[in-house]
Protein backbone atom coordinates (compact mmCIF):
# COMPACT_ATOMS: atom_id res chain seq x y z
CA MET A 1 34.68 -46.68 -21.22
CA ASP A 2 33.63 -46.20 -17.49
CA PRO A 3 29.94 -47.66 -17.29
CA HIS A 4 29.17 -44.85 -14.79
CA ARG A 5 30.15 -42.15 -17.28
CA ARG A 6 27.84 -43.86 -19.96
CA ARG A 7 24.65 -43.98 -17.81
CA ARG A 8 22.35 -41.15 -18.94
CA ARG A 9 20.90 -38.98 -15.99
CA THR A 10 17.16 -38.54 -16.01
CA TRP A 11 17.38 -34.67 -15.62
CA CYS A 12 19.85 -32.87 -17.82
CA CYS A 13 20.03 -30.02 -20.21
CA THR A 14 22.12 -27.96 -22.50
CA PHE A 15 22.32 -24.29 -23.62
CA ALA A 16 24.03 -25.39 -26.91
CA ALA A 17 22.39 -25.76 -30.33
CA SER A 18 19.53 -28.07 -30.40
CA PRO A 19 20.78 -31.78 -30.26
CA ASP A 20 18.84 -32.96 -33.09
CA ASN A 21 20.98 -30.83 -35.62
CA ASN A 22 22.73 -34.05 -36.63
CA SER A 23 19.42 -35.41 -38.04
CA LYS A 24 18.91 -34.87 -41.79
CA PRO A 25 17.54 -31.56 -42.72
CA HIS A 26 13.92 -31.36 -43.43
CA SER A 27 13.51 -35.05 -42.88
CA LYS A 28 11.04 -34.67 -40.13
CA PRO A 29 8.66 -31.66 -39.31
CA THR A 30 9.23 -29.59 -36.24
CA PHE A 31 6.09 -28.04 -34.62
CA SER A 32 6.46 -24.86 -32.60
CA LEU A 33 3.99 -22.88 -30.26
CA PRO A 34 2.89 -20.46 -33.14
CA THR A 35 3.21 -16.76 -32.70
CA SER A 36 0.81 -15.92 -35.32
CA PRO A 37 -2.53 -14.41 -33.79
CA LYS A 38 -4.45 -16.35 -36.65
CA SER A 39 -3.20 -19.51 -35.42
CA ARG A 40 -5.65 -22.17 -33.58
CA ILE A 41 -3.44 -22.13 -30.41
CA ALA A 42 -2.99 -18.42 -30.38
CA ALA A 43 -6.89 -17.98 -30.56
CA ARG A 44 -7.04 -19.96 -27.41
CA ILE A 45 -3.92 -18.61 -25.63
CA ASP A 46 -1.58 -15.73 -26.34
CA PRO A 47 1.90 -17.39 -26.81
CA ARG A 48 3.59 -14.81 -24.82
CA ARG A 49 1.69 -15.87 -21.86
CA ILE A 50 3.80 -19.16 -21.76
CA LEU A 51 6.81 -16.81 -20.79
CA SER A 52 7.40 -16.73 -17.05
CA PRO A 53 9.00 -13.60 -15.47
CA GLY A 54 12.57 -13.71 -14.17
CA ARG A 55 15.98 -14.55 -15.41
CA VAL A 56 17.28 -17.65 -16.84
CA SER A 57 18.66 -19.64 -13.88
CA PRO A 58 21.94 -21.52 -14.15
CA ILE A 59 21.34 -25.04 -15.21
CA ASP A 60 23.56 -27.95 -15.57
CA SER A 61 25.78 -27.58 -18.58
CA ASP A 62 26.64 -31.38 -19.03
CA PRO A 63 26.97 -32.04 -22.74
CA VAL A 64 24.37 -34.63 -22.74
CA ALA A 65 22.06 -34.33 -25.91
CA GLY A 66 18.89 -33.40 -24.05
CA THR A 67 16.79 -33.32 -20.67
CA SER A 68 14.70 -36.43 -20.30
CA LEU A 69 11.65 -36.41 -17.98
CA PRO A 70 10.18 -39.53 -16.13
CA SER A 71 7.15 -41.23 -17.39
CA PRO A 72 3.95 -40.88 -15.30
CA GLU A 73 4.63 -44.30 -13.82
CA THR A 74 7.92 -43.53 -12.39
CA GLU A 75 7.91 -42.00 -9.02
CA PRO A 76 9.82 -40.16 -7.43
CA PRO A 77 10.54 -38.03 -10.57
CA ARG A 78 14.22 -38.34 -10.00
CA SER A 79 14.45 -42.16 -10.22
CA PRO A 80 16.17 -43.95 -13.24
CA ALA A 81 14.56 -43.07 -16.49
CA PRO A 82 12.25 -45.49 -18.07
CA ALA A 83 12.72 -47.11 -21.53
CA ALA A 84 13.60 -44.72 -24.20
CA GLY A 85 10.45 -45.46 -26.14
CA ASP A 86 8.51 -43.82 -23.42
CA ARG A 87 10.15 -40.49 -24.07
CA ASP A 88 8.51 -39.83 -27.40
CA VAL A 89 8.48 -36.00 -27.43
CA ARG A 90 11.45 -33.88 -27.65
CA MET A 91 10.72 -30.33 -26.53
CA SER A 92 13.19 -27.38 -27.37
CA LEU A 93 12.88 -24.37 -25.08
CA ARG A 94 14.31 -21.22 -26.65
CA GLY A 95 15.16 -18.65 -23.96
CA LYS A 96 14.26 -15.13 -24.79
CA ASN A 97 17.94 -14.10 -23.57
CA GLY A 98 19.63 -16.67 -25.87
CA GLY A 99 19.52 -19.81 -23.63
CA CYS A 100 18.30 -23.15 -24.84
CA MET A 101 17.20 -26.34 -23.11
CA VAL A 102 16.01 -29.81 -24.57
CA LEU A 103 13.44 -31.95 -22.77
CA GLU A 104 12.52 -35.38 -23.74
CA VAL A 105 9.17 -36.18 -22.17
CA ASN A 106 6.36 -38.74 -22.44
CA SER A 107 3.61 -37.58 -24.98
CA GLY A 108 0.80 -39.13 -22.76
CA VAL A 109 1.56 -37.18 -19.84
CA LEU A 110 1.86 -33.85 -21.75
CA CYS A 111 -1.45 -34.61 -23.41
CA ALA A 112 -3.18 -35.65 -20.24
CA ASN A 113 -2.22 -32.32 -18.60
CA SER A 114 -1.82 -29.70 -21.25
CA GLU A 115 -4.43 -28.80 -23.59
CA VAL A 116 -1.87 -26.71 -25.53
CA PHE A 117 0.54 -29.47 -25.96
CA ALA A 118 -1.98 -31.98 -26.56
CA GLY A 119 -3.09 -29.95 -29.66
CA LEU A 120 0.37 -29.54 -30.83
CA ILE A 121 1.13 -33.38 -30.46
CA ALA A 122 -2.12 -34.02 -32.38
CA ASP A 123 -1.12 -31.64 -35.35
CA TYR A 124 2.37 -33.05 -35.37
CA ASN A 125 1.40 -36.59 -35.54
CA LYS A 126 -1.14 -35.92 -38.33
CA GLY A 127 1.86 -34.16 -40.37
CA VAL A 128 4.07 -37.16 -39.70
CA LEU A 129 1.51 -39.70 -40.72
CA ALA A 130 0.78 -37.83 -44.03
CA LEU A 131 4.50 -37.84 -44.80
CA SER A 132 5.83 -41.12 -43.81
CA GLY A 133 2.85 -43.14 -42.40
CA SER A 134 4.74 -43.95 -39.26
CA ASN A 135 5.02 -42.46 -35.76
CA THR A 136 8.46 -41.05 -34.69
CA MET A 137 10.07 -38.70 -32.07
CA CYS A 138 7.62 -35.64 -31.85
CA ARG A 139 9.62 -32.26 -31.96
CA ILE A 140 7.98 -29.31 -30.26
CA GLU A 141 9.71 -25.83 -29.99
CA VAL A 142 8.66 -23.26 -27.38
CA PRO A 143 10.22 -19.84 -28.44
CA GLU A 144 11.07 -16.90 -26.26
CA VAL A 145 10.83 -18.49 -22.81
CA GLN A 146 11.80 -15.74 -20.31
CA ASN A 147 12.64 -18.19 -17.52
CA LEU A 148 13.85 -21.73 -18.55
CA GLY A 149 13.97 -22.98 -15.12
CA VAL A 150 10.34 -22.10 -14.29
CA PHE A 151 9.32 -23.62 -17.39
CA ARG A 152 11.06 -26.95 -16.85
CA GLU A 153 9.79 -26.85 -13.15
CA THR A 154 6.24 -26.66 -14.43
CA ILE A 155 6.65 -29.58 -16.91
CA GLU A 156 8.14 -31.64 -14.00
CA LEU A 157 5.04 -31.11 -11.79
CA MET A 158 3.10 -33.03 -14.55
CA PHE A 159 4.81 -36.10 -13.33
CA GLU A 160 4.01 -35.65 -9.68
CA ASN A 161 1.05 -36.85 -7.61
CA GLU A 162 -1.14 -34.54 -5.54
CA ASP A 163 1.24 -34.99 -2.45
CA GLY A 164 4.55 -34.75 -4.49
CA LEU A 165 3.26 -31.46 -6.33
CA THR A 166 2.33 -29.85 -2.98
CA LYS A 167 5.82 -30.57 -1.52
CA ARG A 168 7.56 -29.17 -4.62
CA LEU A 169 5.64 -25.84 -4.35
CA LEU A 170 6.36 -25.66 -0.49
CA ASN A 171 10.06 -26.12 -1.44
CA ILE A 172 10.22 -23.44 -4.10
CA GLY A 173 8.11 -20.89 -2.20
CA VAL A 174 5.47 -18.31 -3.10
CA PHE A 175 7.48 -16.11 -5.47
CA ARG A 176 8.45 -19.07 -7.67
CA SER A 177 5.14 -20.55 -7.33
CA ILE A 178 3.51 -17.57 -8.76
CA ASP A 179 5.80 -17.89 -11.78
CA VAL A 180 4.83 -21.54 -12.13
CA LEU A 181 1.22 -20.56 -11.90
CA GLU A 182 1.68 -18.05 -14.79
CA VAL A 183 3.39 -20.91 -16.91
CA SER A 184 0.60 -23.44 -16.00
CA ALA A 185 -2.12 -20.93 -16.91
CA GLY A 186 -0.36 -20.32 -20.19
CA ILE A 187 -0.06 -23.97 -21.25
CA MET A 188 -3.52 -24.84 -19.78
CA PHE A 189 -2.03 -27.13 -17.14
CA THR A 190 -5.11 -27.38 -14.96
CA LYS A 191 -3.72 -29.34 -12.20
CA GLY A 192 -0.85 -27.24 -11.86
CA VAL A 193 -2.94 -24.10 -11.75
CA LEU A 194 -5.42 -25.48 -8.98
CA SER A 195 -2.25 -26.72 -6.80
CA CYS A 196 -0.60 -23.43 -7.27
CA LEU A 197 -3.85 -21.59 -6.20
CA GLN A 198 -4.41 -23.75 -3.42
CA TYR A 199 -1.04 -23.34 -1.89
CA LEU A 200 -0.94 -19.58 -2.44
CA GLU A 201 -4.18 -19.22 -0.86
CA ALA A 202 -2.95 -20.88 2.49
CA VAL A 203 0.27 -19.17 2.91
CA PRO A 204 1.25 -15.46 3.85
CA TRP A 205 2.44 -13.23 1.28
CA THR A 206 5.14 -10.35 1.34
CA GLU A 207 4.02 -7.03 -0.29
CA GLU A 208 6.25 -7.78 -3.17
CA GLU A 209 4.61 -11.21 -3.60
CA GLU A 210 1.27 -9.64 -3.20
CA GLU A 211 1.84 -7.16 -5.91
CA LYS A 212 3.23 -9.79 -8.27
CA LEU A 213 0.11 -11.93 -7.74
CA ARG A 214 -2.20 -8.92 -8.35
CA ASN A 215 -0.42 -8.22 -11.49
CA LEU A 216 -0.98 -11.86 -12.70
CA PHE A 217 -4.68 -11.78 -11.92
CA THR A 218 -4.95 -8.64 -14.20
CA ARG A 219 -3.62 -10.47 -17.03
CA PHE A 220 -5.31 -13.98 -16.56
CA LYS A 221 -8.87 -15.02 -15.93
CA PHE A 222 -9.17 -17.90 -13.62
CA ASP A 223 -12.28 -19.85 -12.42
CA GLN A 224 -14.20 -17.84 -10.02
CA ALA A 225 -14.97 -20.52 -7.62
CA THR A 226 -11.36 -21.49 -7.55
CA THR A 227 -9.83 -18.16 -7.09
CA ARG A 228 -12.62 -16.57 -4.91
CA ASP A 229 -10.51 -16.92 -1.54
CA ILE A 230 -7.29 -15.53 -3.02
CA LEU A 231 -9.29 -12.62 -4.55
CA GLY A 232 -10.90 -12.01 -1.21
CA ARG A 233 -7.46 -11.43 0.17
CA LEU A 234 -6.49 -9.00 -2.72
CA TYR A 235 -9.72 -6.99 -3.24
CA LEU A 236 -12.53 -5.86 -1.20
CA HIS A 237 -15.46 -6.51 -3.41
CA ASP A 238 -17.87 -3.69 -3.84
CA SER A 239 -21.16 -5.68 -3.50
CA GLU A 240 -21.78 -7.34 -0.07
CA ASP A 241 -18.25 -6.68 1.64
CA SER A 242 -18.33 -3.00 1.22
CA SER A 243 -22.01 -2.59 2.21
CA SER A 244 -21.40 -4.83 5.43
CA GLN A 245 -18.41 -2.52 6.52
CA PRO A 246 -19.89 1.14 6.16
CA HIS A 247 -17.61 4.03 7.43
CA VAL A 248 -14.72 1.83 8.33
CA ALA A 249 -12.29 4.77 8.56
CA LYS A 250 -14.84 6.79 10.74
CA GLN A 251 -14.92 3.63 13.07
CA LEU A 252 -11.35 3.25 13.40
CA VAL A 253 -10.76 7.23 13.99
CA TRP A 254 -13.46 7.13 16.45
CA SER A 255 -11.95 4.11 18.41
CA ILE A 256 -8.67 6.08 18.55
CA THR A 257 -10.40 9.18 20.00
CA THR A 258 -12.13 6.97 22.68
CA SER A 259 -9.02 5.14 23.67
CA VAL A 260 -7.64 5.56 27.09
CA ASP A 261 -4.31 3.97 26.74
CA ALA A 262 -2.06 6.75 25.75
CA ASN A 263 0.67 4.64 24.28
CA ALA A 264 -1.71 2.80 22.16
CA ARG A 265 -3.65 5.93 21.13
CA ASN A 266 -0.29 7.58 20.00
CA GLU A 267 0.79 4.63 18.10
CA LEU A 268 -2.58 4.33 16.30
CA LYS A 269 -2.80 7.91 15.47
CA SER A 270 0.58 7.76 13.67
CA LEU A 271 -0.69 4.70 11.78
CA MET A 272 -4.09 6.02 10.77
CA LYS A 273 -2.64 9.61 9.75
CA GLY A 274 0.02 7.84 7.51
CA LEU A 275 -2.92 5.73 5.88
CA LEU A 276 -5.24 8.72 5.52
CA CYS A 277 -2.81 11.53 4.36
CA LYS A 278 -2.78 12.60 0.87
CA SER A 279 0.60 11.33 0.06
CA SER A 280 -0.07 7.91 1.33
CA VAL A 281 1.19 5.00 -0.79
CA TYR A 282 -1.64 3.14 -0.12
CA GLU A 283 -5.05 3.12 -2.07
CA LYS A 284 -7.95 4.73 -0.50
CA ASN A 285 -10.88 3.20 -2.57
CA HIS A 286 -12.17 1.47 0.79
CA LEU A 287 -10.44 3.39 3.55
CA ASP A 288 -11.36 7.00 2.83
CA LEU A 289 -12.61 9.44 5.46
CA SER A 290 -15.18 11.85 4.09
CA LYS A 291 -15.30 15.42 5.34
CA GLU A 292 -18.63 14.94 7.05
CA ASP A 293 -17.32 11.74 8.98
CA LEU A 294 -14.36 13.62 10.03
CA TYR A 295 -16.27 16.60 11.44
CA SER A 296 -18.78 14.35 12.98
CA VAL A 297 -15.91 12.87 15.25
CA CYS A 298 -14.36 16.17 15.65
CA HIS A 299 -17.82 17.74 17.13
CA SER A 300 -17.90 14.80 19.43
CA CYS A 301 -14.48 15.64 20.77
CA LEU A 302 -15.50 19.29 21.14
CA ASP A 303 -18.60 18.34 22.97
CA SER A 304 -16.55 16.15 25.50
CA LEU A 305 -14.15 18.98 25.90
CA VAL A 306 -17.03 21.16 26.79
CA ASN A 307 -18.16 18.86 29.32
CA LEU A 308 -14.86 18.61 30.98
CA PHE A 309 -14.52 22.38 31.17
CA GLU A 310 -17.85 22.55 32.87
CA GLU A 311 -16.60 19.94 35.35
CA ALA A 312 -13.62 22.08 35.94
CA SER A 313 -15.77 25.24 36.31
CA ASP A 314 -18.05 23.23 38.77
CA ILE A 315 -21.09 23.60 36.50
CA ILE A 316 -21.70 19.91 36.54
CA THR A 317 -20.80 17.07 38.81
CA PRO A 318 -18.10 14.56 37.71
CA GLU A 319 -20.40 11.69 38.22
CA ARG A 320 -22.44 12.81 35.04
CA LEU A 321 -19.44 12.45 32.98
CA LEU A 322 -17.16 9.58 34.26
CA THR A 323 -17.17 6.18 32.65
CA LYS A 324 -15.61 3.27 34.31
CA LYS A 325 -12.39 3.72 32.36
CA ASP A 326 -12.36 7.50 33.31
CA LYS A 327 -12.92 7.24 37.12
CA ASN A 328 -9.19 7.01 38.06
CA LYS A 329 -8.00 9.61 35.51
CA PRO A 330 -7.36 13.06 36.55
CA LEU A 331 -9.29 16.07 34.96
CA ILE A 332 -6.29 17.56 33.62
CA GLU A 333 -5.13 14.31 31.90
CA ARG A 334 -8.68 13.98 30.33
CA ILE A 335 -8.75 17.40 29.02
CA SER A 336 -5.28 16.91 27.72
CA ARG A 337 -6.34 13.84 25.78
CA GLN A 338 -9.43 15.40 24.16
CA VAL A 339 -7.07 18.37 22.96
CA ASP A 340 -4.60 15.91 21.66
CA ASN A 341 -7.46 14.13 19.77
CA ILE A 342 -8.78 17.59 18.31
CA ASN A 343 -5.25 18.59 17.10
CA TRP A 344 -4.79 15.08 15.38
CA LEU A 345 -8.08 15.46 13.54
CA LEU A 346 -7.11 19.18 12.71
CA GLU A 347 -3.82 17.75 11.10
CA ILE A 348 -5.81 15.21 8.91
CA MET A 349 -8.05 18.01 7.83
CA LEU A 350 -5.01 20.42 6.98
CA ASP A 351 -3.62 17.61 4.94
CA SER A 352 -6.83 17.19 3.01
CA GLN A 353 -7.38 21.03 2.62
CA ILE A 354 -10.88 20.98 4.59
CA ALA A 355 -9.66 22.83 7.77
CA GLU A 356 -11.39 26.27 7.01
CA GLN A 357 -14.50 25.08 8.42
CA PHE A 358 -12.93 24.17 11.66
CA VAL A 359 -11.72 27.65 12.10
CA ASN A 360 -15.31 28.85 11.90
CA ILE A 361 -16.41 26.29 14.63
CA TRP A 362 -13.46 27.29 16.74
CA ALA A 363 -14.14 30.93 16.47
CA GLU A 364 -17.81 30.64 17.22
CA HIS A 365 -17.50 28.45 20.17
CA HIS A 366 -18.14 31.36 22.67
CA GLN A 367 -18.98 28.77 25.57
CA LEU A 368 -15.39 27.56 25.60
CA VAL A 369 -13.99 31.21 25.41
CA LYS A 370 -16.26 32.15 28.34
CA MET A 371 -15.17 29.13 30.48
CA HIS A 372 -11.36 29.96 29.70
CA ASP A 373 -11.62 32.78 32.17
CA ASP A 374 -13.34 30.62 34.88
CA VAL A 375 -10.77 27.59 35.09
CA SER A 376 -7.32 27.33 36.47
CA PRO A 377 -4.43 28.45 34.09
CA MET A 378 -2.87 24.91 34.27
CA ILE A 379 -6.14 23.68 32.60
CA ARG A 380 -7.30 26.51 30.30
CA TYR A 381 -3.80 26.65 28.55
CA GLU A 382 -4.82 23.45 26.63
CA LEU A 383 -7.32 25.49 24.68
CA SER A 384 -4.54 27.54 23.30
CA ARG A 385 -2.80 24.43 22.02
CA VAL A 386 -5.70 24.26 19.49
CA SER A 387 -5.39 27.90 18.57
CA ALA A 388 -1.51 27.53 18.24
CA ILE A 389 -2.02 24.80 15.50
CA LEU A 390 -4.40 27.19 13.54
CA PHE A 391 -1.97 30.18 13.98
CA VAL A 392 0.91 28.20 12.57
CA ALA A 393 -1.17 26.75 9.71
CA MET A 394 -2.24 30.21 8.56
CA ALA A 395 1.17 31.62 8.63
CA THR A 396 2.94 28.74 6.88
CA ARG A 397 0.03 29.02 4.11
CA LYS A 398 -1.39 25.47 4.80
CA LEU A 399 -4.77 27.00 5.64
CA GLN A 400 -6.28 29.75 3.65
CA CYS A 401 -9.32 31.50 5.01
CA ARG A 402 -11.53 34.47 4.19
CA VAL A 403 -10.59 37.83 6.14
CA GLU A 404 -13.90 37.39 8.10
CA THR A 405 -12.88 34.10 9.36
CA ARG A 406 -9.55 35.09 10.41
CA TRP A 407 -10.89 38.19 12.22
CA GLY A 408 -13.40 36.06 13.93
CA PHE A 409 -10.86 33.65 15.19
CA LEU A 410 -8.35 36.30 16.28
CA GLN A 411 -11.15 38.30 18.22
CA GLN A 412 -12.08 35.30 20.22
CA TRP A 413 -8.79 33.46 20.69
CA PHE A 414 -5.97 36.01 20.50
CA ARG A 415 -6.34 37.41 24.04
CA PRO A 416 -6.51 33.74 25.53
CA MET A 417 -3.33 32.94 23.60
CA LEU A 418 -1.50 36.00 25.29
CA LEU A 419 -2.70 34.89 28.73
CA ASP A 420 -1.70 31.20 28.25
CA PHE A 421 1.74 31.81 26.44
CA GLY A 422 3.67 31.42 29.80
CA TRP A 423 2.10 27.91 30.28
CA LEU A 424 2.74 26.93 26.56
CA GLN A 425 6.40 27.71 27.14
CA ARG A 426 6.64 25.45 30.21
CA CYS A 427 4.48 22.67 28.68
CA ARG A 428 5.26 22.80 25.13
CA LYS A 429 4.17 19.16 24.15
CA GLY A 430 5.95 19.24 20.93
CA LEU A 431 5.20 23.05 20.13
CA ASP A 432 7.85 24.94 18.80
CA ILE A 433 7.56 28.44 20.60
CA LYS A 434 9.65 30.49 18.12
CA VAL A 435 7.62 29.27 15.21
CA LEU A 436 4.41 30.15 17.10
CA GLN A 437 5.59 33.54 17.93
CA GLU A 438 6.37 34.18 14.26
CA ALA A 439 3.07 32.69 13.25
CA MET A 440 1.14 34.88 15.47
CA GLY A 441 2.65 37.94 14.04
CA GLN A 442 2.25 36.85 10.42
CA THR A 443 -1.36 36.01 11.07
CA LEU A 444 -2.02 39.43 12.40
CA LEU A 445 -0.47 41.09 9.53
CA THR A 446 -2.98 39.32 7.07
CA LEU A 447 -5.71 41.62 8.31
CA PRO A 448 -6.78 45.06 7.30
CA LEU A 449 -4.34 47.84 9.12
CA ASN A 450 -7.41 48.96 11.31
CA GLN A 451 -7.93 45.49 12.68
CA GLN A 452 -4.26 45.12 13.10
CA HIS A 453 -4.26 48.21 15.22
CA MET A 454 -6.62 46.82 17.85
CA LEU A 455 -4.68 43.44 18.29
CA PHE A 456 -1.26 45.00 18.19
CA MET A 457 -2.27 47.66 20.90
CA GLU A 458 -3.66 44.85 23.01
CA TRP A 459 -0.39 42.86 22.50
CA PHE A 460 1.43 45.85 23.43
CA ARG A 461 -0.20 46.46 26.75
CA HIS A 462 0.01 42.79 27.60
CA PHE A 463 3.67 42.43 26.78
CA SER A 464 4.59 45.77 28.77
CA SER A 465 2.89 44.07 31.79
CA HIS A 466 3.93 40.40 31.60
CA GLY A 467 7.23 40.33 29.56
CA THR A 468 8.56 37.01 28.64
CA GLU A 469 5.42 35.33 29.95
CA CYS A 470 3.77 36.97 26.59
CA PRO A 471 4.72 36.28 23.10
CA ASN A 472 7.31 38.52 21.38
CA LEU A 473 5.61 40.20 18.38
CA SER A 474 8.04 43.06 18.11
CA LYS A 475 9.11 42.23 14.59
CA ALA A 476 5.36 42.02 13.35
CA PHE A 477 4.71 45.16 15.38
CA GLN A 478 7.37 47.26 13.55
CA ILE A 479 6.00 46.18 10.18
CA TRP A 480 2.55 47.28 11.18
CA TRP A 481 3.85 50.56 12.45
CA ARG A 482 5.78 51.35 9.28
CA ARG A 483 2.86 50.44 7.01
CA SER A 484 0.55 52.50 9.10
CA PHE A 485 2.47 55.53 9.70
CA LEU A 486 5.27 55.61 7.22
CA ARG A 487 4.80 56.09 3.39
CA GLY A 488 6.52 55.49 0.31
CA SER A 489 10.36 54.69 -0.12
CA GLU A 490 10.96 55.20 3.64
CA THR A 491 8.64 52.26 4.41
CA TYR A 492 10.38 49.93 1.83
CA ALA A 493 13.77 50.86 2.84
CA ILE A 494 13.08 50.08 6.41
CA GLU A 495 11.24 46.77 5.87
CA SER A 496 14.02 45.52 3.58
CA ARG A 497 16.68 45.72 6.22
């Protein structure tokens, strides 16, 4: 026979039946990782925690009887196997999905690295000595291993020195290292646990890897000093960390509203809105913006807007307002920036269903309404951009206000909207004019008929004078007319056309 074919490789395995089937039945006891909760090992570790997630990897199907692991003196691990006597433990791995793998390893290495296997080997040896009085090949069975390849890799790491272990983890990557960490924790392989934690702490994670690691930490308790750095990346602790970062979301929102770079500001607005919206997939335990914080930033933007309109009305001099960053910015651009900020904050309020208070604030801002008549149309129309957001929100049922609030808002801002509509058509800035016209009519129709009468008559006079420079509320006007002056079935017939 070819001598090369007779030489036994160090690493091999089989998915066939256990190779010790040829031995005499019941001649030697076989010890398994127990599944009974009353067993001594089970009291120390849940046997299911030996399992590692993932599917069984394809492994060499060479019909050699078993897989032999090198002795601890042999380096590297894939060098020729030591004498057969050093491999005095036969470990049968039974896959959860039906596979099988047999490893022949050194008992000294197992006992030195794993408390679980050290206990099993000690129990086995006691049983053998009691029966035969001599030491024989120790047989251990590990049932329901979910990933045979990961379990084997974990056993292999016991034969590595520190440098070799780190290199192996680098080669298998983060996802696989988390699996190895789980198996190492299950069999109480301390060196493997520490090496995996050190490696995982030092490398970036994908979102999938982070979630996998977070899930593992919910099922295993590790030494706090060892895992402190990793836990610091996974969780913001509620004690010192959270108290040292008060109102994080408010600070971020404030930074955005004071930014002077338009591109950066728009990018960050989109980012923060996605994080803060109710449908966000992110947890908001530590990134939550309270109603008080949101309105605090909003009041600051409104105050800045008032100052800018005072500058436009020549009430105050620009030198009192301009910062170094704003000195080269035109007044129109600075006003538009503050209106954009207010509308962005208003969208967050609408998503959080806390915007009704803003309607009151906007309706009672008599100072801005007064200055609206004193400045250029190319500046004042910016105020109507805020009113437009409120009209659309009320009409689409995203904003529910009491009738007094709606009436106060329309009393103050309906006429400015009629005056500014032409500029809104020319400078839309993302505003849908058809939707706005429909929303204005629908909002008016939510008022009592006598209040509708006042506003629709004002619209009629303005529309007759300015035509397309005024919103077309003809459809809503007809509904108001029919409800006011027609009765019964005639009204229903006309409105149902």
